[in-house]
Amino acid sequence: SGWIYPIKDVPMESEALTRWLYQRFVEKDELLAHFYETGAFPPPKGQTTATSRAMTLDPLWLFLIQLMGFLSGYMWYNVLQYMYNGLGL
């Protein structure tokens, strides 16, 4: 079985859900046992080897995300300062 389950496959009845969750814990324990023995998780069903993907980070994207964070912090600082001064504290 896979590591992601569609919601339609998750039982709604309490007893069936309990059995389904128990089976997921069994799978988790098997995955962890394999990881502790080999240092890697097993490949998904249908694959013979685990494949990795290159991770690329776009510097412009990272800069824009950081800029948004700083601008948001500055905006909240001004909003809270305005509210604090407006209350006359």
PDB file of N, CA and C in Angstrom:
ATOM      1  N   SER A   1       0.838  -1.186   0.000  1.00  0.00           N
ATOM      2  CA  SER A   1       0.000   0.000   0.000  1.00  0.00           C
ATOM      3  C   SER A   1       0.878   1.242   0.000  1.00  0.00           C
ATOM      4  N   GLY A   2       0.273   2.397  -0.272  1.00  0.00           N
ATOM      5  CA  GLY A   2       1.025   3.637  -0.372  1.00  0.00           C
ATOM      6  C   GLY A   2       1.117   4.358   0.949  1.00  0.00           C
ATOM      7  N   TRP A   3       1.694   5.532   0.907  1.00  0.00           N
ATOM      8  CA  TRP A   3       1.867   6.318   2.117  1.00  0.00           C
ATOM      9  C   TRP A   3       0.851   7.447   2.201  1.00  0.00           C
ATOM     10  N   ILE A   4       0.075   7.636   1.142  1.00  0.00           N
ATOM     11  CA  ILE A   4      -0.978   8.641   1.131  1.00  0.00           C
ATOM     12  C   ILE A   4      -2.277   7.914   0.824  1.00  0.00           C
ATOM     13  N   TYR A   5      -3.303   8.197   1.622  1.00  0.00           N
ATOM     14  CA  TYR A   5      -4.569   7.494   1.473  1.00  0.00           C
ATOM     15  C   TYR A   5      -5.670   8.483   1.137  1.00  0.00           C
ATOM     16  N   PRO A   6      -6.431   8.223   0.074  1.00  0.00           N
ATOM     17  CA  PRO A   6      -7.566   9.093  -0.243  1.00  0.00           C
ATOM     18  C   PRO A   6      -8.604   9.022   0.879  1.00  0.00           C
ATOM     19  N   ILE A   7      -9.255  10.123   1.151  1.00  0.00           N
ATOM     20  CA  ILE A   7     -10.224  10.178   2.242  1.00  0.00           C
ATOM     21  C   ILE A   7     -11.355   9.183   2.024  1.00  0.00           C
ATOM     22  N   LYS A   8     -11.668   8.872   0.758  1.00  0.00           N
ATOM     23  CA  LYS A   8     -12.744   7.918   0.493  1.00  0.00           C
ATOM     24  C   LYS A   8     -12.390   6.511   0.971  1.00  0.00           C
ATOM     25  N   ASP A   9     -11.097   6.231   1.163  1.00  0.00           N
ATOM     26  CA  ASP A   9     -10.665   4.919   1.636  1.00  0.00           C
ATOM     27  C   ASP A   9     -10.662   4.794   3.157  1.00  0.00           C
ATOM     28  N   VAL A  10     -10.874   5.907   3.853  1.00  0.00           N
ATOM     29  CA  VAL A  10     -10.863   5.886   5.318  1.00  0.00           C
ATOM     30  C   VAL A  10     -12.267   5.562   5.809  1.00  0.00           C
ATOM     31  N   PRO A  11     -12.411   4.487   6.592  1.00  0.00           N
ATOM     32  CA  PRO A  11     -13.749   4.108   7.073  1.00  0.00           C
ATOM     33  C   PRO A  11     -14.338   5.157   8.013  1.00  0.00           C
ATOM     34  N   MET A  12     -15.649   5.263   8.015  1.00  0.00           N
ATOM     35  CA  MET A  12     -16.339   6.220   8.870  1.00  0.00           C
ATOM     36  C   MET A  12     -16.821   5.585  10.174  1.00  0.00           C
ATOM     37  N   GLU A  13     -17.098   4.277  10.151  1.00  0.00           N
ATOM     38  CA  GLU A  13     -17.600   3.607  11.343  1.00  0.00           C
ATOM     39  C   GLU A  13     -16.467   3.451  12.348  1.00  0.00           C
ATOM     40  N   SER A  14     -16.794   3.562  13.611  1.00  0.00           N
ATOM     41  CA  SER A  14     -15.794   3.561  14.677  1.00  0.00           C
ATOM     42  C   SER A  14     -14.959   2.281  14.687  1.00  0.00           C
ATOM     43  N   GLU A  15     -15.616   1.133  14.611  1.00  0.00           N
ATOM     44  CA  GLU A  15     -14.884  -0.132  14.682  1.00  0.00           C
ATOM     45  C   GLU A  15     -13.993  -0.335  13.460  1.00  0.00           C
ATOM     46  N   ALA A  16     -14.528  -0.046  12.274  1.00  0.00           N
ATOM     47  CA  ALA A  16     -13.739  -0.180  11.047  1.00  0.00           C
ATOM     48  C   ALA A  16     -12.585   0.817  11.040  1.00  0.00           C
ATOM     49  N   LEU A  17     -12.823   2.030  11.537  1.00  0.00           N
ATOM     50  CA  LEU A  17     -11.770   3.032  11.603  1.00  0.00           C
ATOM     51  C   LEU A  17     -10.662   2.591  12.548  1.00  0.00           C
ATOM     52  N   THR A  18     -11.038   1.985  13.672  1.00  0.00           N
ATOM     53  CA  THR A  18     -10.045   1.480  14.617  1.00  0.00           C
ATOM     54  C   THR A  18      -9.160   0.428  13.963  1.00  0.00           C
ATOM     55  N   ARG A  19      -9.765  -0.508  13.233  1.00  0.00           N
ATOM     56  CA  ARG A  19      -8.978  -1.547  12.536  1.00  0.00           C
ATOM     57  C   ARG A  19      -8.081  -0.916  11.478  1.00  0.00           C
ATOM     58  N   TRP A  20      -8.607   0.059  10.730  1.00  0.00           N
ATOM     59  CA  TRP A  20      -7.844   0.714   9.667  1.00  0.00           C
ATOM     60  C   TRP A  20      -6.643   1.448  10.264  1.00  0.00           C
ATOM     61  N   LEU A  21      -6.863   2.173  11.365  1.00  0.00           N
ATOM     62  CA  LEU A  21      -5.761   2.894  12.010  1.00  0.00           C
ATOM     63  C   LEU A  21      -4.718   1.923  12.570  1.00  0.00           C
ATOM     64  N   TYR A  22      -5.180   0.814  13.136  1.00  0.00           N
ATOM     65  CA  TYR A  22      -4.252  -0.180  13.658  1.00  0.00           C
ATOM     66  C   TYR A  22      -3.348  -0.692  12.533  1.00  0.00           C
ATOM     67  N   GLN A  23      -3.938  -0.930  11.362  1.00  0.00           N
ATOM     68  CA  GLN A  23      -3.145  -1.410  10.217  1.00  0.00           C
ATOM     69  C   GLN A  23      -2.127  -0.358   9.785  1.00  0.00           C
ATOM     70  N   ARG A  24      -2.474   0.934   9.854  1.00  0.00           N
ATOM     71  CA  ARG A  24      -1.516   1.990   9.514  1.00  0.00           C
ATOM     72  C   ARG A  24      -0.349   1.994  10.499  1.00  0.00           C
ATOM     73  N   PHE A  25      -0.623   1.730  11.789  1.00  0.00           N
ATOM     74  CA  PHE A  25       0.461   1.666  12.769  1.00  0.00           C
ATOM     75  C   PHE A  25       1.359   0.464  12.506  1.00  0.00           C
ATOM     76  N   VAL A  26       0.785  -0.651  12.062  1.00  0.00           N
ATOM     77  CA  VAL A  26       1.591  -1.813  11.704  1.00  0.00           C
ATOM     78  C   VAL A  26       2.506  -1.457  10.535  1.00  0.00           C
ATOM     79  N   GLU A  27       1.952  -0.783   9.521  1.00  0.00           N
ATOM     80  CA  GLU A  27       2.760  -0.351   8.378  1.00  0.00           C
ATOM     81  C   GLU A  27       3.874   0.586   8.817  1.00  0.00           C
ATOM     82  N   LYS A  28       3.539   1.532   9.709  1.00  0.00           N
ATOM     83  CA  LYS A  28       4.547   2.475  10.208  1.00  0.00           C
ATOM     84  C   LYS A  28       5.679   1.737  10.907  1.00  0.00           C
ATOM     85  N   ASP A  29       5.322   0.774  11.740  1.00  0.00           N
ATOM     86  CA  ASP A  29       6.351   0.012  12.452  1.00  0.00           C
ATOM     87  C   ASP A  29       7.239  -0.773  11.485  1.00  0.00           C
ATOM     88  N   GLU A  30       6.633  -1.326  10.412  1.00  0.00           N
ATOM     89  CA  GLU A  30       7.424  -2.037   9.404  1.00  0.00           C
ATOM     90  C   GLU A  30       8.371  -1.086   8.681  1.00  0.00           C
ATOM     91  N   LEU A  31       7.876   0.110   8.343  1.00  0.00           N
ATOM     92  CA  LEU A  31       8.727   1.105   7.682  1.00  0.00           C
ATOM     93  C   LEU A  31       9.887   1.515   8.585  1.00  0.00           C
ATOM     94  N   LEU A  32       9.597   1.746   9.862  1.00  0.00           N
ATOM     95  CA  LEU A  32      10.659   2.137  10.781  1.00  0.00           C
ATOM     96  C   LEU A  32      11.663   1.011  10.994  1.00  0.00           C
ATOM     97  N   ALA A  33      11.187  -0.229  11.064  1.00  0.00           N
ATOM     98  CA  ALA A  33      12.103  -1.363  11.219  1.00  0.00           C
ATOM     99  C   ALA A  33      13.050  -1.428  10.020  1.00  0.00           C
ATOM    100  N   HIS A  34      12.496  -1.248   8.818  1.00  0.00           N
ATOM    101  CA  HIS A  34      13.332  -1.258   7.607  1.00  0.00           C
ATOM    102  C   HIS A  34      14.333  -0.111   7.644  1.00  0.00           C
ATOM    103  N   PHE A  35      13.866   1.073   8.083  1.00  0.00           N
ATOM    104  CA  PHE A  35      14.753   2.233   8.152  1.00  0.00           C
ATOM    105  C   PHE A  35      15.888   2.000   9.146  1.00  0.00           C
ATOM    106  N   TYR A  36      15.575   1.440  10.316  1.00  0.00           N
ATOM    107  CA  TYR A  36      16.609   1.214  11.328  1.00  0.00           C
ATOM    108  C   TYR A  36      17.625   0.166  10.877  1.00  0.00           C
ATOM    109  N   GLU A  37      17.186  -0.791  10.053  1.00  0.00           N
ATOM    110  CA  GLU A  37      18.105  -1.826   9.560  1.00  0.00           C
ATOM    111  C   GLU A  37      18.980  -1.327   8.423  1.00  0.00           C
ATOM    112  N   THR A  38      18.402  -0.534   7.512  1.00  0.00           N
ATOM    113  CA  THR A  38      19.114  -0.167   6.287  1.00  0.00           C
ATOM    114  C   THR A  38      19.533   1.302   6.234  1.00  0.00           C
ATOM    115  N   GLY A  39      18.924   2.152   7.054  1.00  0.00           N
ATOM    116  CA  GLY A  39      19.229   3.577   7.004  1.00  0.00           C
ATOM    117  C   GLY A  39      18.440   4.319   5.952  1.00  0.00           C
ATOM    118  N   ALA A  40      17.489   3.646   5.301  1.00  0.00           N
ATOM    119  CA  ALA A  40      16.656   4.283   4.282  1.00  0.00           C
ATOM    120  C   ALA A  40      15.276   3.640   4.300  1.00  0.00           C
ATOM    121  N   PHE A  41      14.278   4.395   3.890  1.00  0.00           N
ATOM    122  CA  PHE A  41      12.943   3.839   3.771  1.00  0.00           C
ATOM    123  C   PHE A  41      12.861   2.997   2.502  1.00  0.00           C
ATOM    124  N   PRO A  42      12.016   1.978   2.498  1.00  0.00           N
ATOM    125  CA  PRO A  42      11.893   1.154   1.293  1.00  0.00           C
ATOM    126  C   PRO A  42      11.233   1.958   0.169  1.00  0.00           C
ATOM    127  N   PRO A  43      11.511   1.580  -1.077  1.00  0.00           N
ATOM    128  CA  PRO A  43      10.867   2.279  -2.193  1.00  0.00           C
ATOM    129  C   PRO A  43       9.370   1.970  -2.210  1.00  0.00           C
ATOM    130  N   PRO A  44       8.566   2.869  -2.746  1.00  0.00           N
ATOM    131  CA  PRO A  44       7.128   2.604  -2.854  1.00  0.00           C
ATOM    132  C   PRO A  44       6.859   1.378  -3.713  1.00  0.00           C
ATOM    133  N   LYS A  45       5.681   0.770  -3.522  1.00  0.00           N
ATOM    134  CA  LYS A  45       5.312  -0.417  -4.303  1.00  0.00           C
ATOM    135  C   LYS A  45       5.364  -0.091  -5.787  1.00  0.00           C
ATOM    136  N   GLY A  46       5.882  -1.019  -6.561  1.00  0.00           N
ATOM    137  CA  GLY A  46       5.996  -0.826  -7.998  1.00  0.00           C
ATOM    138  C   GLY A  46       7.339  -0.271  -8.421  1.00  0.00           C
ATOM    139  N   GLN A  47       8.162   0.151  -7.469  1.00  0.00           N
ATOM    140  CA  GLN A  47       9.497   0.642  -7.777  1.00  0.00           C
ATOM    141  C   GLN A  47      10.509  -0.307  -7.158  1.00  0.00           C
ATOM    142  N   THR A  48      11.635  -0.447  -7.833  1.00  0.00           N
ATOM    143  CA  THR A  48      12.673  -1.342  -7.309  1.00  0.00           C
ATOM    144  C   THR A  48      13.692  -0.596  -6.473  1.00  0.00           C
ATOM    145  N   THR A  49      13.844   0.688  -6.731  1.00  0.00           N
ATOM    146  CA  THR A  49      14.804   1.479  -5.961  1.00  0.00           C
ATOM    147  C   THR A  49      14.164   2.794  -5.554  1.00  0.00           C
ATOM    148  N   ALA A  50      14.641   3.343  -4.461  1.00  0.00           N
ATOM    149  CA  ALA A  50      14.184   4.662  -4.041  1.00  0.00           C
ATOM    150  C   ALA A  50      14.923   5.699  -4.873  1.00  0.00           C
ATOM    151  N   THR A  51      14.182   6.628  -5.415  1.00  0.00           N
ATOM    152  CA  THR A  51      14.798   7.666  -6.236  1.00  0.00           C
ATOM    153  C   THR A  51      14.684   8.995  -5.512  1.00  0.00           C
ATOM    154  N   SER A  52      15.717   9.795  -5.662  1.00  0.00           N
ATOM    155  CA  SER A  52      15.691  11.119  -5.049  1.00  0.00           C
ATOM    156  C   SER A  52      15.494  12.159  -6.143  1.00  0.00           C
ATOM    157  N   ARG A  53      14.950  13.273  -5.734  1.00  0.00           N
ATOM    158  CA  ARG A  53      14.742  14.373  -6.674  1.00  0.00           C
ATOM    159  C   ARG A  53      15.650  15.521  -6.283  1.00  0.00           C
ATOM    160  N   ALA A  54      16.155  16.207  -7.273  1.00  0.00           N
ATOM    161  CA  ALA A  54      16.988  17.376  -7.005  1.00  0.00           C
ATOM    162  C   ALA A  54      16.110  18.483  -6.441  1.00  0.00           C
ATOM    163  N   MET A  55      16.604  19.139  -5.418  1.00  0.00           N
ATOM    164  CA  MET A  55      15.858  20.238  -4.817  1.00  0.00           C
ATOM    165  C   MET A  55      16.528  21.537  -5.222  1.00  0.00           C
ATOM    166  N   THR A  56      15.789  22.360  -5.902  1.00  0.00           N
ATOM    167  CA  THR A  56      16.343  23.641  -6.334  1.00  0.00           C
ATOM    168  C   THR A  56      15.588  24.755  -5.626  1.00  0.00           C
ATOM    169  N   LEU A  57      16.329  25.712  -5.153  1.00  0.00           N
ATOM    170  CA  LEU A  57      15.743  26.871  -4.497  1.00  0.00           C
ATOM    171  C   LEU A  57      16.045  28.104  -5.335  1.00  0.00           C
ATOM    172  N   ASP A  58      15.017  28.821  -5.665  1.00  0.00           N
ATOM    173  CA  ASP A  58      15.165  30.032  -6.452  1.00  0.00           C
ATOM    174  C   ASP A  58      15.489  31.190  -5.510  1.00  0.00           C
ATOM    175  N   PRO A  59      16.653  31.826  -5.652  1.00  0.00           N
ATOM    176  CA  PRO A  59      17.023  32.928  -4.759  1.00  0.00           C
ATOM    177  C   PRO A  59      16.009  34.076  -4.774  1.00  0.00           C
ATOM    178  N   LEU A  60      15.442  34.369  -5.933  1.00  0.00           N
ATOM    179  CA  LEU A  60      14.450  35.443  -6.018  1.00  0.00           C
ATOM    180  C   LEU A  60      13.218  35.081  -5.186  1.00  0.00           C
ATOM    181  N   TRP A  61      12.749  33.852  -5.300  1.00  0.00           N
ATOM    182  CA  TRP A  61      11.593  33.395  -4.540  1.00  0.00           C
ATOM    183  C   TRP A  61      11.877  33.494  -3.033  1.00  0.00           C
ATOM    184  N   LEU A  62      13.055  33.047  -2.608  1.00  0.00           N
ATOM    185  CA  LEU A  62      13.406  33.128  -1.195  1.00  0.00           C
ATOM    186  C   LEU A  62      13.455  34.585  -0.721  1.00  0.00           C
ATOM    187  N   PHE A  63      14.012  35.463  -1.543  1.00  0.00           N
ATOM    188  CA  PHE A  63      14.067  36.884  -1.200  1.00  0.00           C
ATOM    189  C   PHE A  63      12.667  37.467  -1.044  1.00  0.00           C
ATOM    190  N   LEU A  64      11.772  37.139  -1.989  1.00  0.00           N
ATOM    191  CA  LEU A  64      10.411  37.668  -1.926  1.00  0.00           C
ATOM    192  C   LEU A  64       9.663  37.149  -0.697  1.00  0.00           C
ATOM    193  N   ILE A  65       9.851  35.901  -0.356  1.00  0.00           N
ATOM    194  CA  ILE A  65       9.200  35.337   0.826  1.00  0.00           C
ATOM    195  C   ILE A  65       9.713  36.048   2.088  1.00  0.00           C
ATOM    196  N   GLN A  66      11.027  36.235   2.178  1.00  0.00           N
ATOM    197  CA  GLN A  66      11.593  36.940   3.333  1.00  0.00           C
ATOM    198  C   GLN A  66      11.094  38.381   3.392  1.00  0.00           C
ATOM    199  N   LEU A  67      11.039  39.033   2.246  1.00  0.00           N
ATOM    200  CA  LEU A  67      10.551  40.412   2.191  1.00  0.00           C
ATOM    201  C   LEU A  67       9.112  40.492   2.680  1.00  0.00           C
ATOM    202  N   MET A  68       8.276  39.549   2.263  1.00  0.00           N
ATOM    203  CA  MET A  68       6.878  39.512   2.713  1.00  0.00           C
ATOM    204  C   MET A  68       6.827  39.351   4.228  1.00  0.00           C
ATOM    205  N   GLY A  69       7.677  38.506   4.778  1.00  0.00           N
ATOM    206  CA  GLY A  69       7.699  38.301   6.226  1.00  0.00           C
ATOM    207  C   GLY A  69       8.093  39.571   6.964  1.00  0.00           C
ATOM    208  N   PHE A  70       9.128  40.236   6.494  1.00  0.00           N
ATOM    209  CA  PHE A  70       9.562  41.474   7.142  1.00  0.00           C
ATOM    210  C   PHE A  70       8.509  42.575   7.013  1.00  0.00           C
ATOM    211  N   LEU A  71       7.911  42.707   5.816  1.00  0.00           N
ATOM    212  CA  LEU A  71       6.871  43.711   5.631  1.00  0.00           C
ATOM    213  C   LEU A  71       5.656  43.433   6.502  1.00  0.00           C
ATOM    214  N   SER A  72       5.300  42.177   6.645  1.00  0.00           N
ATOM    215  CA  SER A  72       4.181  41.808   7.497  1.00  0.00           C
ATOM    216  C   SER A  72       4.479  42.167   8.950  1.00  0.00           C
ATOM    217  N   GLY A  73       5.691  41.853   9.409  1.00  0.00           N
ATOM    218  CA  GLY A  73       6.075  42.204  10.772  1.00  0.00           C
ATOM    219  C   GLY A  73       6.048  43.707  10.995  1.00  0.00           C
ATOM    220  N   TYR A  74       6.548  44.467  10.031  1.00  0.00           N
ATOM    221  CA  TYR A  74       6.552  45.925  10.134  1.00  0.00           C
ATOM    222  C   TYR A  74       5.131  46.473  10.165  1.00  0.00           C
ATOM    223  N   MET A  75       4.262  45.887   9.316  1.00  0.00           N
ATOM    224  CA  MET A  75       2.876  46.320   9.279  1.00  0.00           C
ATOM    225  C   MET A  75       2.207  46.072  10.637  1.00  0.00           C
ATOM    226  N   TRP A  76       2.386  44.885  11.201  1.00  0.00           N
ATOM    227  CA  TRP A  76       1.769  44.569  12.490  1.00  0.00           C
ATOM    228  C   TRP A  76       2.335  45.448  13.607  1.00  0.00           C
ATOM    229  N   TYR A  77       3.611  45.737  13.540  1.00  0.00           N
ATOM    230  CA  TYR A  77       4.211  46.649  14.526  1.00  0.00           C
ATOM    231  C   TYR A  77       3.496  47.996  14.488  1.00  0.00           C
ATOM    232  N   ASN A  78       3.291  48.533  13.291  1.00  0.00           N
ATOM    233  CA  ASN A  78       2.622  49.829  13.144  1.00  0.00           C
ATOM    234  C   ASN A  78       1.164  49.755  13.584  1.00  0.00           C
ATOM    235  N   VAL A  79       0.467  48.697  13.237  1.00  0.00           N
ATOM    236  CA  VAL A  79      -0.936  48.546  13.635  1.00  0.00           C
ATOM    237  C   VAL A  79      -1.041  48.487  15.153  1.00  0.00           C
ATOM    238  N   LEU A  80      -0.218  47.665  15.782  1.00  0.00           N
ATOM    239  CA  LEU A  80      -0.275  47.537  17.237  1.00  0.00           C
ATOM    240  C   LEU A  80       0.158  48.837  17.935  1.00  0.00           C
ATOM    241  N   GLN A  81       1.162  49.501  17.385  1.00  0.00           N
ATOM    242  CA  GLN A  81       1.589  50.775  17.959  1.00  0.00           C
ATOM    243  C   GLN A  81       0.472  51.809  17.846  1.00  0.00           C
ATOM    244  N   TYR A  82      -0.224  51.842  16.713  1.00  0.00           N
ATOM    245  CA  TYR A  82      -1.346  52.761  16.516  1.00  0.00           C
ATOM    246  C   TYR A  82      -2.448  52.461  17.528  1.00  0.00           C
ATOM    247  N   MET A  83      -2.766  51.187  17.710  1.00  0.00           N
ATOM    248  CA  MET A  83      -3.813  50.817  18.662  1.00  0.00           C
ATOM    249  C   MET A  83      -3.376  51.168  20.083  1.00  0.00           C
ATOM    250  N   TYR A  84      -2.136  50.907  20.419  1.00  0.00           N
ATOM    251  CA  TYR A  84      -1.630  51.197  21.751  1.00  0.00           C
ATOM    252  C   TYR A  84      -1.694  52.699  22.039  1.00  0.00           C
ATOM    253  N   ASN A  85      -1.262  53.510  21.075  1.00  0.00           N
ATOM    254  CA  ASN A  85      -1.292  54.977  21.232  1.00  0.00           C
ATOM    255  C   ASN A  85      -2.731  55.497  21.219  1.00  0.00           C
ATOM    256  N   GLY A  86      -3.594  54.850  20.457  1.00  0.00           N
ATOM    257  CA  GLY A  86      -4.998  55.274  20.377  1.00  0.00           C
ATOM    258  C   GLY A  86      -5.721  55.030  21.696  1.00  0.00           C
ATOM    259  N   LEU A  87      -5.285  54.075  22.464  1.00  0.00           N
ATOM    260  CA  LEU A  87      -5.918  53.805  23.752  1.00  0.00           C
ATOM    261  C   LEU A  87      -5.388  54.739  24.831  1.00  0.00           C
ATOM    262  N   GLY A  88      -4.353  55.503  24.528  1.00  0.00           N
ATOM    263  CA  GLY A  88      -3.810  56.452  25.478  1.00  0.00           C
ATOM    264  C   GLY A  88      -3.025  55.792  26.601  1.00  0.00           C
ATOM    265  N   LEU A  89      -2.457  54.645  26.321  1.00  0.00           N
ATOM    266  CA  LEU A  89      -1.679  53.954  27.363  1.00  0.00           C
ATOM    267  C   LEU A  89      -0.246  54.416  27.399  1.00  0.00           C
TER     268      LEU A  89
END
